[in-house]
Amino acid sequence: MVQELMRMQELMRIWPTMGQRLDVGRAKAYELVKSGQIKAVKLSDKSYRVTPAALQEYVERLEAEAENGDAA
């Protein structure tokens, strides 16, 4: 099942891939996932991945907050 999901959609490693795309450090990248701000897929006890869609959703939410003058 996991292999099928990986074929269907690129799954990014939280670090370094997601962190680099957001230009944040390792601790911040994991904090965003742990806090639920970015949704992640759990592959095993110690392995999580982020979908491009989840990353895009997070960025769009930040953009909307910035347009509305909300604190990010």
Protein backbone atom coordinates (compact mmCIF):
# COMPACT_ATOMS: atom_id res chain seq x y z
CA MET A 1 0.00 0.00 0.00
CA VAL A 2 2.76 2.47 0.89
CA GLN A 3 4.58 1.68 -2.35
CA GLU A 4 1.40 2.39 -4.32
CA LEU A 5 0.99 5.72 -2.56
CA MET A 6 4.59 6.65 -3.28
CA ARG A 7 4.05 5.89 -6.96
CA MET A 8 0.87 7.95 -7.06
CA GLN A 9 2.36 11.02 -5.48
CA GLU A 10 5.84 12.15 -4.56
CA LEU A 11 6.35 11.95 -0.82
CA MET A 12 8.93 14.34 0.53
CA ARG A 13 11.21 13.74 3.45
CA ILE A 14 10.58 16.26 6.19
CA TRP A 15 14.28 16.98 6.29
CA PRO A 16 15.97 18.00 4.11
CA THR A 17 13.46 18.26 1.25
CA MET A 18 10.52 19.98 2.93
CA GLY A 19 12.80 22.14 5.05
CA GLN A 20 14.74 23.28 2.01
CA ARG A 21 11.59 24.11 0.06
CA LEU A 22 10.36 26.26 2.93
CA ASP A 23 13.86 27.57 3.71
CA VAL A 24 13.61 26.51 7.36
CA GLY A 25 15.96 24.52 9.56
CA ARG A 26 15.56 20.93 10.67
CA ALA A 27 14.01 21.73 14.06
CA LYS A 28 11.45 24.10 12.53
CA ALA A 29 10.54 21.58 9.83
CA TYR A 30 9.80 18.89 12.40
CA GLU A 31 7.99 21.40 14.63
CA LEU A 32 5.62 22.29 11.77
CA VAL A 33 4.72 18.61 11.34
CA LYS A 34 4.53 17.81 15.05
CA SER A 35 2.23 20.79 15.70
CA GLY A 36 -0.09 19.70 12.89
CA GLN A 37 0.51 22.82 10.81
CA ILE A 38 1.67 20.58 7.98
CA LYS A 39 0.04 17.19 7.54
CA ALA A 40 2.38 14.22 7.27
CA VAL A 41 2.01 10.56 6.32
CA LYS A 42 3.40 8.11 8.87
CA LEU A 43 5.26 5.28 7.17
CA SER A 44 6.69 3.68 10.31
CA ASP A 45 7.42 4.53 13.95
CA LYS A 46 10.22 6.90 12.99
CA SER A 47 9.48 7.69 9.37
CA TYR A 48 7.15 10.42 8.15
CA ARG A 49 6.72 11.99 4.74
CA VAL A 50 4.95 15.10 3.52
CA THR A 51 2.97 15.31 0.29
CA PRO A 52 3.37 18.23 -2.07
CA ALA A 53 -0.35 18.91 -1.55
CA ALA A 54 0.12 19.25 2.22
CA LEU A 55 3.02 21.63 1.70
CA GLN A 56 1.00 23.68 -0.81
CA GLU A 57 -1.94 23.83 1.63
CA TYR A 58 0.35 25.20 4.33
CA VAL A 59 1.81 27.86 2.03
CA GLU A 60 -1.66 28.90 0.85
CA ARG A 61 -2.79 29.21 4.47
CA LEU A 62 0.19 31.45 5.24
CA GLU A 63 -0.57 33.59 2.19
CA ALA A 64 -4.23 33.96 3.22
CA GLU A 65 -3.22 34.94 6.75
CA ALA A 66 -0.79 37.52 5.37
CA GLU A 67 -3.50 39.00 3.12
CA ASN A 68 -5.91 39.20 6.06
CA GLY A 69 -3.28 40.69 8.34
CA ASP A 70 -3.40 37.68 10.69
CA ALA A 71 -0.31 36.59 12.59
CA ALA A 72 1.37 33.56 11.02
